[in-house]
Amino acid sequence: MKVSESSVAYQSTYLQSLKNRLITFIDETNDQDKLEQCLELLYADSMPGVYTDEEFTEVLKRSEASGNASEEEVKAVFAKWGI
């Protein structure tokens, strides 16, 4: 019989850590809009940024149509970051 460690122990530690980070953020912020956005995300039926196949196809088409950045444009962006 194979014996394996339960992943629940690791997940519960991570989950508690995540809850603690959320509580800290909530305690430290006074931005009502941010807090309302967080609450909406917690109660949302779906994750933001998840597309249906049709939506993804449209986003991909618009992205491809926008073209590529030139080398100069890329360097300018990295220069802003000091890279």
N, C-alpha and C. Protein backbone atom coordinates (compact mmCIF):
# COMPACT_ATOMS: atom_id res chain seq x y z
N MET A 1 0.84 -1.18 0.00
CA MET A 1 0.00 0.00 0.00
C MET A 1 0.89 1.24 0.00
N LYS A 2 0.61 2.19 -0.92
CA LYS A 2 1.38 3.42 -0.99
C LYS A 2 0.88 4.41 0.06
N VAL A 3 1.83 5.10 0.64
CA VAL A 3 1.48 6.12 1.63
C VAL A 3 1.92 7.46 1.08
N SER A 4 1.06 8.44 1.18
CA SER A 4 1.43 9.78 0.73
C SER A 4 0.98 10.80 1.76
N GLU A 5 1.69 11.91 1.77
CA GLU A 5 1.31 12.97 2.70
C GLU A 5 0.07 13.68 2.17
N SER A 6 -0.74 14.10 3.07
CA SER A 6 -1.95 14.82 2.71
C SER A 6 -1.59 16.22 2.23
N SER A 7 -2.14 16.61 1.10
CA SER A 7 -1.90 17.96 0.60
C SER A 7 -2.74 18.97 1.36
N VAL A 8 -3.72 18.50 2.09
CA VAL A 8 -4.60 19.41 2.84
C VAL A 8 -3.80 20.23 3.84
N ALA A 9 -2.82 19.62 4.48
CA ALA A 9 -2.03 20.34 5.47
C ALA A 9 -1.31 21.52 4.83
N TYR A 10 -0.75 21.32 3.65
CA TYR A 10 -0.06 22.41 2.96
C TYR A 10 -1.04 23.46 2.48
N GLN A 11 -2.15 23.02 1.96
CA GLN A 11 -3.13 23.95 1.43
C GLN A 11 -3.74 24.80 2.54
N SER A 12 -3.99 24.21 3.71
CA SER A 12 -4.60 24.99 4.78
C SER A 12 -3.64 26.07 5.28
N THR A 13 -2.35 25.78 5.30
CA THR A 13 -1.36 26.79 5.70
C THR A 13 -1.34 27.92 4.69
N TYR A 14 -1.34 27.57 3.42
CA TYR A 14 -1.35 28.59 2.38
C TYR A 14 -2.64 29.39 2.43
N LEU A 15 -3.75 28.70 2.59
CA LEU A 15 -5.04 29.37 2.65
C LEU A 15 -5.09 30.34 3.83
N GLN A 16 -4.61 29.92 4.98
CA GLN A 16 -4.60 30.80 6.15
C GLN A 16 -3.70 32.00 5.91
N SER A 17 -2.56 31.77 5.26
CA SER A 17 -1.65 32.86 4.94
C SER A 17 -2.33 33.87 4.01
N LEU A 18 -3.03 33.36 3.04
CA LEU A 18 -3.74 34.23 2.10
C LEU A 18 -4.82 35.03 2.81
N LYS A 19 -5.57 34.38 3.69
CA LYS A 19 -6.60 35.09 4.47
C LYS A 19 -5.96 36.19 5.32
N ASN A 20 -4.83 35.87 5.93
CA ASN A 20 -4.14 36.86 6.77
C ASN A 20 -3.71 38.07 5.95
N ARG A 21 -3.19 37.82 4.74
CA ARG A 21 -2.77 38.92 3.86
C ARG A 21 -3.97 39.78 3.48
N LEU A 22 -5.11 39.16 3.20
CA LEU A 22 -6.31 39.91 2.87
C LEU A 22 -6.77 40.76 4.05
N ILE A 23 -6.75 40.17 5.23
CA ILE A 23 -7.17 40.90 6.43
C ILE A 23 -6.25 42.09 6.67
N THR A 24 -4.95 41.90 6.49
CA THR A 24 -4.00 42.99 6.66
C THR A 24 -4.28 44.11 5.66
N PHE A 25 -4.51 43.74 4.41
CA PHE A 25 -4.82 44.74 3.38
C PHE A 25 -6.08 45.51 3.75
N ILE A 26 -7.11 44.80 4.17
CA ILE A 26 -8.38 45.42 4.52
C ILE A 26 -8.20 46.37 5.70
N ASP A 27 -7.44 45.93 6.69
CA ASP A 27 -7.21 46.77 7.87
C ASP A 27 -6.43 48.03 7.54
N GLU A 28 -5.54 47.95 6.55
CA GLU A 28 -4.65 49.08 6.25
C GLU A 28 -5.22 50.07 5.24
N THR A 29 -6.28 49.72 4.55
CA THR A 29 -6.79 50.62 3.52
C THR A 29 -8.03 51.38 3.99
N ASN A 30 -8.12 52.59 3.50
CA ASN A 30 -9.30 53.41 3.75
C ASN A 30 -10.00 53.76 2.45
N ASP A 31 -9.55 53.13 1.37
CA ASP A 31 -10.10 53.39 0.04
C ASP A 31 -11.38 52.58 -0.15
N GLN A 32 -12.50 53.25 -0.05
CA GLN A 32 -13.78 52.56 -0.14
C GLN A 32 -13.97 51.89 -1.50
N ASP A 33 -13.56 52.54 -2.56
CA ASP A 33 -13.70 51.96 -3.90
C ASP A 33 -12.93 50.65 -4.02
N LYS A 34 -11.70 50.63 -3.52
CA LYS A 34 -10.89 49.40 -3.58
C LYS A 34 -11.55 48.28 -2.79
N LEU A 35 -12.04 48.62 -1.61
CA LEU A 35 -12.68 47.61 -0.78
C LEU A 35 -13.94 47.06 -1.44
N GLU A 36 -14.71 47.93 -2.08
CA GLU A 36 -15.91 47.48 -2.78
C GLU A 36 -15.55 46.58 -3.96
N GLN A 37 -14.47 46.91 -4.68
CA GLN A 37 -14.02 46.07 -5.78
C GLN A 37 -13.59 44.70 -5.27
N CYS A 38 -12.89 44.68 -4.14
CA CYS A 38 -12.48 43.40 -3.55
C CYS A 38 -13.69 42.56 -3.17
N LEU A 39 -14.66 43.20 -2.57
CA LEU A 39 -15.87 42.49 -2.16
C LEU A 39 -16.60 41.92 -3.37
N GLU A 40 -16.69 42.72 -4.43
CA GLU A 40 -17.34 42.24 -5.66
C GLU A 40 -16.61 41.02 -6.22
N LEU A 41 -15.28 41.05 -6.19
CA LEU A 41 -14.50 39.92 -6.70
C LEU A 41 -14.74 38.66 -5.86
N LEU A 42 -14.84 38.84 -4.56
CA LEU A 42 -15.05 37.68 -3.69
C LEU A 42 -16.41 37.02 -3.93
N TYR A 43 -17.39 37.81 -4.32
CA TYR A 43 -18.72 37.26 -4.53
C TYR A 43 -19.05 37.02 -6.01
N ALA A 44 -18.10 37.29 -6.89
CA ALA A 44 -18.33 37.12 -8.33
C ALA A 44 -18.46 35.65 -8.68
N ASP A 45 -19.25 35.38 -9.69
CA ASP A 45 -19.44 34.00 -10.15
C ASP A 45 -18.28 33.53 -11.02
N SER A 46 -17.55 34.46 -11.60
CA SER A 46 -16.44 34.08 -12.46
C SER A 46 -15.24 34.97 -12.17
N MET A 47 -14.09 34.51 -12.59
CA MET A 47 -12.87 35.27 -12.39
C MET A 47 -12.73 36.33 -13.47
N PRO A 48 -12.23 37.51 -13.10
CA PRO A 48 -11.99 38.54 -14.12
C PRO A 48 -10.87 38.10 -15.05
N GLY A 49 -10.94 38.52 -16.29
CA GLY A 49 -9.90 38.16 -17.23
C GLY A 49 -10.07 36.79 -17.84
N VAL A 50 -11.17 36.13 -17.55
CA VAL A 50 -11.45 34.83 -18.15
C VAL A 50 -12.43 35.08 -19.30
N TYR A 51 -12.05 34.64 -20.47
CA TYR A 51 -12.84 34.90 -21.67
C TYR A 51 -13.52 33.64 -22.18
N THR A 52 -14.66 33.85 -22.80
CA THR A 52 -15.26 32.76 -23.57
C THR A 52 -14.40 32.59 -24.81
N ASP A 53 -14.60 31.53 -25.55
CA ASP A 53 -13.82 31.33 -26.78
C ASP A 53 -14.04 32.49 -27.76
N GLU A 54 -15.28 32.93 -27.86
CA GLU A 54 -15.59 34.03 -28.78
C GLU A 54 -14.92 35.32 -28.34
N GLU A 55 -14.97 35.62 -27.03
CA GLU A 55 -14.34 36.84 -26.51
C GLU A 55 -12.83 36.79 -26.72
N PHE A 56 -12.23 35.63 -26.45
CA PHE A 56 -10.79 35.50 -26.62
C PHE A 56 -10.39 35.69 -28.08
N THR A 57 -11.17 35.14 -28.98
CA THR A 57 -10.89 35.30 -30.41
C THR A 57 -10.90 36.77 -30.79
N GLU A 58 -11.86 37.52 -30.26
CA GLU A 58 -11.95 38.94 -30.56
C GLU A 58 -10.78 39.71 -29.96
N VAL A 59 -10.42 39.41 -28.73
CA VAL A 59 -9.28 40.07 -28.08
C VAL A 59 -8.00 39.77 -28.85
N LEU A 60 -7.83 38.53 -29.27
CA LEU A 60 -6.66 38.13 -30.03
C LEU A 60 -6.60 38.87 -31.37
N LYS A 61 -7.73 38.98 -32.06
CA LYS A 61 -7.77 39.70 -33.35
C LYS A 61 -7.36 41.15 -33.16
N ARG A 62 -7.90 41.81 -32.12
CA ARG A 62 -7.56 43.22 -31.89
C ARG A 62 -6.08 43.36 -31.54
N SER A 63 -5.56 42.43 -30.77
CA SER A 63 -4.15 42.47 -30.40
C SER A 63 -3.26 42.31 -31.62
N GLU A 64 -3.58 41.35 -32.46
CA GLU A 64 -2.79 41.12 -33.67
C GLU A 64 -2.88 42.29 -34.62
N ALA A 65 -4.04 42.94 -34.69
CA ALA A 65 -4.23 44.07 -35.59
C ALA A 65 -3.47 45.31 -35.11
N SER A 66 -3.16 45.36 -33.83
CA SER A 66 -2.48 46.54 -33.30
C SER A 66 -1.01 46.58 -33.71
N GLY A 67 -0.47 45.46 -34.15
CA GLY A 67 0.91 45.43 -34.63
C GLY A 67 1.91 45.18 -33.53
N ASN A 68 3.17 45.23 -33.91
CA ASN A 68 4.26 44.99 -32.97
C ASN A 68 4.92 46.31 -32.61
N ALA A 69 5.50 46.35 -31.42
CA ALA A 69 6.26 47.52 -31.01
C ALA A 69 7.60 47.53 -31.74
N SER A 70 8.03 48.72 -32.08
CA SER A 70 9.34 48.84 -32.72
C SER A 70 10.41 48.68 -31.65
N GLU A 71 11.63 48.46 -32.08
CA GLU A 71 12.73 48.32 -31.14
C GLU A 71 12.88 49.59 -30.31
N GLU A 72 12.68 50.75 -30.91
CA GLU A 72 12.79 52.02 -30.20
C GLU A 72 11.71 52.14 -29.12
N GLU A 73 10.50 51.71 -29.45
CA GLU A 73 9.40 51.76 -28.48
C GLU A 73 9.69 50.85 -27.28
N VAL A 74 10.21 49.68 -27.56
CA VAL A 74 10.54 48.74 -26.49
C VAL A 74 11.63 49.32 -25.60
N LYS A 75 12.66 49.88 -26.22
CA LYS A 75 13.75 50.48 -25.44
C LYS A 75 13.24 51.64 -24.58
N ALA A 76 12.31 52.43 -25.11
CA ALA A 76 11.76 53.56 -24.36
C ALA A 76 11.00 53.07 -23.12
N VAL A 77 10.27 51.99 -23.26
CA VAL A 77 9.54 51.44 -22.11
C VAL A 77 10.52 50.95 -21.05
N PHE A 78 11.52 50.20 -21.46
CA PHE A 78 12.51 49.68 -20.51
C PHE A 78 13.33 50.81 -19.89
N ALA A 79 13.55 51.88 -20.65
CA ALA A 79 14.31 53.01 -20.12
C ALA A 79 13.56 53.67 -18.95
N LYS A 80 12.24 53.67 -19.03
CA LYS A 80 11.44 54.22 -17.93
C LYS A 80 11.67 53.45 -16.64
N TRP A 81 11.96 52.17 -16.75
CA TRP A 81 12.20 51.31 -15.59
C TRP A 81 13.68 51.31 -15.20
N GLY A 82 14.50 52.00 -15.96
CA GLY A 82 15.93 52.04 -15.66
C GLY A 82 16.66 50.78 -16.07
N ILE A 83 16.13 50.09 -17.06
CA ILE A 83 16.76 48.84 -17.53
C ILE A 83 17.46 49.10 -18.84
